[in-house]
């Protein structure tokens, strides 16, 4: 599974997802790119999931246009200590995710 970490998620979160192919917006040189272009990039480069904490993303874009799953961690900040709390719930729901759909993950 190929995952892109949005720039609002600390890059340090990547080490907690070693069983996936994970990239960050920053390491791909996509910092500052608008959400629509980012989602297009994900679809064109075969990303399965765009992982974010940006709760507005799923309301700002027409998800039917992008063959990618948006996963929003229902977190208020990008501190690694906060983000890791969502990992068990994320992993439990992973097999239920569908493209062109957004999911909010709670603790």
N, C-alpha and C. Protein backbone atom coordinates (compact mmCIF):
# COMPACT_ATOMS: atom_id res chain seq x y z
N UNK A 1 0.84 -1.18 0.00
CA UNK A 1 0.00 0.00 0.00
C UNK A 1 0.89 1.24 0.00
N UNK A 2 0.57 2.17 -0.86
CA UNK A 2 1.37 3.39 -1.04
C UNK A 2 0.63 4.56 -0.39
N UNK A 3 1.29 5.22 0.56
CA UNK A 3 0.69 6.29 1.35
C UNK A 3 1.50 7.57 1.21
N UNK A 4 0.78 8.69 1.06
CA UNK A 4 1.42 10.00 1.06
C UNK A 4 1.00 10.73 2.33
N UNK A 5 1.98 11.18 3.10
CA UNK A 5 1.71 11.98 4.30
C UNK A 5 1.63 13.45 3.90
N UNK A 6 0.49 14.05 4.15
CA UNK A 6 0.29 15.47 3.89
C UNK A 6 1.30 16.27 4.72
N UNK A 7 1.59 17.49 4.28
CA UNK A 7 2.61 18.27 4.99
C UNK A 7 2.17 18.71 6.38
N UNK A 8 0.89 18.59 6.71
CA UNK A 8 0.42 18.94 8.05
C UNK A 8 0.69 17.82 9.05
N UNK A 9 1.19 16.69 8.58
CA UNK A 9 1.58 15.58 9.47
C UNK A 9 3.10 15.54 9.55
N UNK A 10 3.60 15.50 10.77
CA UNK A 10 5.05 15.48 10.95
C UNK A 10 5.68 14.30 10.21
N UNK A 11 6.82 14.55 9.60
CA UNK A 11 7.56 13.51 8.88
C UNK A 11 7.96 12.36 9.79
N UNK A 12 8.06 12.63 11.06
CA UNK A 12 8.45 11.60 12.03
C UNK A 12 7.43 10.47 12.12
N UNK A 13 6.21 10.71 11.65
CA UNK A 13 5.16 9.69 11.69
C UNK A 13 5.48 8.53 10.73
N UNK A 14 6.28 8.80 9.72
CA UNK A 14 6.62 7.81 8.72
C UNK A 14 7.24 6.55 9.33
N UNK A 15 8.04 6.69 10.35
CA UNK A 15 8.70 5.52 10.95
C UNK A 15 7.71 4.58 11.64
N UNK A 16 6.50 5.03 11.86
CA UNK A 16 5.48 4.19 12.48
C UNK A 16 4.65 3.45 11.43
N UNK A 17 4.98 3.63 10.17
CA UNK A 17 4.25 3.00 9.07
C UNK A 17 5.19 2.20 8.17
N UNK A 18 6.16 1.53 8.76
CA UNK A 18 7.20 0.85 8.00
C UNK A 18 6.69 -0.34 7.18
N UNK A 19 5.50 -0.82 7.48
CA UNK A 19 4.96 -1.94 6.71
C UNK A 19 4.25 -1.46 5.44
N UNK A 20 4.34 -0.16 5.15
CA UNK A 20 3.74 0.43 3.96
C UNK A 20 4.83 1.17 3.18
N UNK A 21 4.52 1.50 1.95
CA UNK A 21 5.39 2.34 1.14
C UNK A 21 4.93 3.78 1.39
N UNK A 22 5.68 4.53 2.20
CA UNK A 22 5.25 5.84 2.65
C UNK A 22 6.20 6.93 2.17
N UNK A 23 5.59 8.01 1.69
CA UNK A 23 6.33 9.19 1.24
C UNK A 23 5.73 10.40 1.93
N UNK A 24 6.52 11.45 2.04
CA UNK A 24 6.01 12.69 2.60
C UNK A 24 5.97 13.75 1.49
N UNK A 25 5.06 14.69 1.64
CA UNK A 25 4.95 15.79 0.70
C UNK A 25 6.29 16.52 0.60
N UNK A 26 6.93 16.70 1.73
CA UNK A 26 8.19 17.44 1.76
C UNK A 26 9.29 16.71 0.98
N UNK A 27 9.44 15.41 1.20
CA UNK A 27 10.52 14.70 0.51
C UNK A 27 10.27 14.58 -0.99
N UNK A 28 9.03 14.72 -1.43
CA UNK A 28 8.72 14.68 -2.86
C UNK A 28 8.77 16.06 -3.50
N UNK A 29 9.08 17.08 -2.69
CA UNK A 29 9.18 18.44 -3.20
C UNK A 29 7.83 19.06 -3.54
N UNK A 30 6.80 18.65 -2.82
CA UNK A 30 5.44 19.13 -3.10
C UNK A 30 4.92 20.10 -2.05
N UNK A 31 5.80 20.62 -1.23
CA UNK A 31 5.37 21.56 -0.18
C UNK A 31 4.66 22.76 -0.78
N UNK A 32 3.56 23.14 -0.15
CA UNK A 32 2.83 24.32 -0.57
C UNK A 32 1.87 24.09 -1.73
N UNK A 33 1.83 22.90 -2.27
CA UNK A 33 0.95 22.62 -3.40
C UNK A 33 -0.51 22.62 -2.91
N UNK A 34 -1.41 23.11 -3.73
CA UNK A 34 -2.83 23.16 -3.39
C UNK A 34 -3.40 21.75 -3.32
N UNK A 35 -4.45 21.57 -2.51
CA UNK A 35 -5.02 20.25 -2.28
C UNK A 35 -5.48 19.54 -3.56
N UNK A 36 -6.11 20.25 -4.47
CA UNK A 36 -6.56 19.64 -5.71
C UNK A 36 -5.40 19.08 -6.52
N UNK A 37 -4.33 19.83 -6.61
CA UNK A 37 -3.15 19.37 -7.34
C UNK A 37 -2.48 18.21 -6.61
N UNK A 38 -2.50 18.26 -5.29
CA UNK A 38 -1.92 17.18 -4.50
C UNK A 38 -2.70 15.88 -4.72
N UNK A 39 -4.01 15.98 -4.74
CA UNK A 39 -4.83 14.79 -4.97
C UNK A 39 -4.65 14.27 -6.39
N UNK A 40 -4.50 15.16 -7.35
CA UNK A 40 -4.21 14.74 -8.72
C UNK A 40 -2.88 14.01 -8.77
N UNK A 41 -1.87 14.56 -8.08
CA UNK A 41 -0.56 13.91 -8.01
C UNK A 41 -0.69 12.50 -7.43
N UNK A 42 -1.47 12.37 -6.37
CA UNK A 42 -1.67 11.06 -5.74
C UNK A 42 -2.26 10.07 -6.73
N UNK A 43 -3.30 10.49 -7.42
CA UNK A 43 -3.97 9.60 -8.38
C UNK A 43 -3.04 9.23 -9.54
N UNK A 44 -2.31 10.19 -10.06
CA UNK A 44 -1.43 9.95 -11.20
C UNK A 44 -0.22 9.10 -10.84
N UNK A 45 0.13 9.07 -9.56
CA UNK A 45 1.32 8.32 -9.12
C UNK A 45 0.96 7.11 -8.27
N UNK A 46 -0.26 6.66 -8.43
CA UNK A 46 -0.74 5.41 -7.83
C UNK A 46 -0.65 5.33 -6.31
N UNK A 47 -0.88 6.46 -5.64
CA UNK A 47 -0.97 6.43 -4.19
C UNK A 47 -2.34 5.87 -3.82
N UNK A 48 -2.37 5.05 -2.81
CA UNK A 48 -3.63 4.49 -2.32
C UNK A 48 -4.30 5.44 -1.34
N UNK A 49 -3.48 6.07 -0.49
CA UNK A 49 -4.00 6.89 0.60
C UNK A 49 -3.25 8.21 0.70
N UNK A 50 -4.01 9.28 0.89
CA UNK A 50 -3.46 10.57 1.31
C UNK A 50 -3.84 10.70 2.77
N UNK A 51 -2.85 10.69 3.64
CA UNK A 51 -3.08 10.74 5.09
C UNK A 51 -2.85 12.16 5.58
N UNK A 52 -3.83 12.69 6.30
CA UNK A 52 -3.81 14.10 6.70
C UNK A 52 -4.48 14.30 8.05
N UNK A 53 -4.37 15.49 8.58
CA UNK A 53 -5.19 15.90 9.73
C UNK A 53 -6.07 17.08 9.33
N UNK A 54 -6.04 17.43 8.05
CA UNK A 54 -6.82 18.54 7.51
C UNK A 54 -8.27 18.11 7.30
N UNK A 55 -9.12 18.45 8.26
CA UNK A 55 -10.52 18.03 8.22
C UNK A 55 -11.31 18.72 7.11
N UNK A 56 -10.82 19.81 6.59
CA UNK A 56 -11.52 20.54 5.53
C UNK A 56 -11.30 19.94 4.15
N UNK A 57 -10.23 19.20 3.99
CA UNK A 57 -9.86 18.67 2.68
C UNK A 57 -11.01 17.91 2.01
N UNK A 58 -11.70 17.08 2.75
CA UNK A 58 -12.74 16.25 2.15
C UNK A 58 -13.97 17.05 1.74
N UNK A 59 -14.10 18.25 2.27
CA UNK A 59 -15.24 19.10 1.91
C UNK A 59 -14.89 20.09 0.80
N UNK A 60 -13.61 20.32 0.61
CA UNK A 60 -13.15 21.31 -0.37
C UNK A 60 -12.96 20.72 -1.77
N UNK A 61 -12.92 19.41 -1.87
CA UNK A 61 -12.63 18.77 -3.14
C UNK A 61 -13.75 17.82 -3.55
N UNK A 62 -13.92 17.65 -4.85
CA UNK A 62 -14.85 16.66 -5.38
C UNK A 62 -14.10 15.33 -5.41
N UNK A 63 -14.36 14.49 -4.44
CA UNK A 63 -13.60 13.25 -4.28
C UNK A 63 -13.79 12.28 -5.44
N UNK A 64 -14.90 12.40 -6.15
CA UNK A 64 -15.13 11.52 -7.30
C UNK A 64 -14.10 11.72 -8.40
N UNK A 65 -13.44 12.87 -8.42
CA UNK A 65 -12.44 13.18 -9.45
C UNK A 65 -11.10 12.48 -9.22
N UNK A 66 -10.86 12.01 -8.00
CA UNK A 66 -9.52 11.53 -7.65
C UNK A 66 -9.57 10.08 -7.16
N UNK A 67 -8.84 9.21 -7.83
CA UNK A 67 -8.79 7.80 -7.47
C UNK A 67 -7.79 7.60 -6.33
N UNK A 68 -8.13 8.16 -5.19
CA UNK A 68 -7.29 8.04 -3.99
C UNK A 68 -8.21 8.07 -2.77
N UNK A 69 -7.79 7.45 -1.71
CA UNK A 69 -8.52 7.46 -0.45
C UNK A 69 -7.95 8.54 0.43
N UNK A 70 -8.82 9.37 0.99
CA UNK A 70 -8.40 10.40 1.93
C UNK A 70 -8.66 9.86 3.34
N UNK A 71 -7.63 9.84 4.15
CA UNK A 71 -7.78 9.40 5.54
C UNK A 71 -7.38 10.57 6.43
N UNK A 72 -8.34 11.00 7.24
CA UNK A 72 -8.14 12.14 8.13
C UNK A 72 -8.04 11.62 9.57
N UNK A 73 -6.90 11.85 10.18
CA UNK A 73 -6.77 11.52 11.60
C UNK A 73 -7.42 12.66 12.38
N UNK A 74 -8.39 12.34 13.19
CA UNK A 74 -9.17 13.35 13.91
C UNK A 74 -8.37 13.90 15.09
N UNK A 75 -7.33 14.61 14.73
CA UNK A 75 -6.33 15.10 15.67
C UNK A 75 -6.24 16.62 15.51
N UNK A 76 -5.89 17.30 16.58
CA UNK A 76 -5.82 18.75 16.52
C UNK A 76 -4.42 19.29 16.25
N UNK A 77 -3.42 18.42 16.33
CA UNK A 77 -2.07 18.87 16.04
C UNK A 77 -1.26 17.72 15.46
N UNK A 78 -0.07 18.03 15.05
CA UNK A 78 0.77 17.05 14.38
C UNK A 78 1.86 16.48 15.28
N UNK A 79 1.68 16.59 16.56
CA UNK A 79 2.68 16.03 17.48
C UNK A 79 2.66 14.51 17.37
N UNK A 80 3.84 13.95 17.28
CA UNK A 80 3.96 12.51 17.09
C UNK A 80 3.25 11.73 18.19
N UNK A 81 3.30 12.26 19.41
CA UNK A 81 2.65 11.58 20.55
C UNK A 81 1.13 11.50 20.35
N UNK A 82 0.57 12.48 19.68
CA UNK A 82 -0.87 12.48 19.39
C UNK A 82 -1.19 11.55 18.22
N UNK A 83 -0.39 11.61 17.19
CA UNK A 83 -0.66 10.84 15.98
C UNK A 83 -0.61 9.33 16.19
N UNK A 84 0.35 8.86 16.97
CA UNK A 84 0.50 7.41 17.15
C UNK A 84 -0.71 6.79 17.84
N UNK A 85 -1.46 7.57 18.55
CA UNK A 85 -2.67 7.07 19.22
C UNK A 85 -3.69 6.57 18.19
N UNK A 86 -3.65 7.11 16.99
CA UNK A 86 -4.61 6.76 15.94
C UNK A 86 -4.22 5.51 15.15
N UNK A 87 -3.00 5.04 15.31
CA UNK A 87 -2.53 3.91 14.51
C UNK A 87 -3.37 2.64 14.66
N UNK A 88 -3.73 2.21 15.86
CA UNK A 88 -4.55 0.98 15.96
C UNK A 88 -5.87 1.09 15.20
N UNK A 89 -6.54 2.20 15.33
CA UNK A 89 -7.82 2.40 14.64
C UNK A 89 -7.61 2.46 13.12
N UNK A 90 -6.56 3.14 12.68
CA UNK A 90 -6.23 3.21 11.27
C UNK A 90 -6.01 1.82 10.69
N UNK A 91 -5.23 1.02 11.37
CA UNK A 91 -4.92 -0.33 10.89
C UNK A 91 -6.16 -1.23 10.87
N UNK A 92 -7.03 -1.08 11.83
CA UNK A 92 -8.26 -1.87 11.87
C UNK A 92 -9.18 -1.57 10.70
N UNK A 93 -9.20 -0.34 10.26
CA UNK A 93 -10.11 0.08 9.19
C UNK A 93 -9.51 -0.01 7.80
N UNK A 94 -8.24 -0.27 7.72
CA UNK A 94 -7.49 -0.25 6.46
C UNK A 94 -8.15 -1.06 5.34
N UNK A 95 -8.62 -2.23 5.63
CA UNK A 95 -9.21 -3.08 4.59
C UNK A 95 -10.57 -2.61 4.12
N UNK A 96 -11.16 -1.66 4.80
CA UNK A 96 -12.48 -1.15 4.44
C UNK A 96 -12.40 0.11 3.56
N UNK A 97 -11.22 0.69 3.45
CA UNK A 97 -11.05 1.92 2.69
C UNK A 97 -11.32 1.70 1.20
N UNK A 98 -11.98 2.68 0.58
CA UNK A 98 -12.28 2.66 -0.84
C UNK A 98 -11.78 3.95 -1.49
N UNK A 99 -11.37 3.85 -2.73
CA UNK A 99 -10.94 5.03 -3.49
C UNK A 99 -12.10 6.01 -3.63
N UNK A 100 -11.78 7.26 -3.87
CA UNK A 100 -12.77 8.33 -4.07
C UNK A 100 -13.61 8.58 -2.82
N UNK A 101 -13.07 8.22 -1.67
CA UNK A 101 -13.82 8.34 -0.41
C UNK A 101 -12.90 8.90 0.66
N UNK A 102 -13.49 9.62 1.59
CA UNK A 102 -12.74 10.16 2.73
C UNK A 102 -13.23 9.49 4.00
N UNK A 103 -12.29 9.25 4.91
CA UNK A 103 -12.59 8.61 6.17
C UNK A 103 -11.98 9.43 7.30
N UNK A 104 -12.71 9.56 8.38
CA UNK A 104 -12.18 10.22 9.58
C UNK A 104 -11.89 9.11 10.59
N UNK A 105 -10.66 9.09 11.07
CA UNK A 105 -10.24 8.09 12.04
C UNK A 105 -10.20 8.72 13.43
N UNK A 106 -10.95 8.12 14.33
CA UNK A 106 -10.93 8.55 15.73
C UNK A 106 -10.04 7.60 16.51
N UNK A 107 -9.75 7.99 17.72
CA UNK A 107 -8.87 7.17 18.59
C UNK A 107 -9.47 5.86 18.86
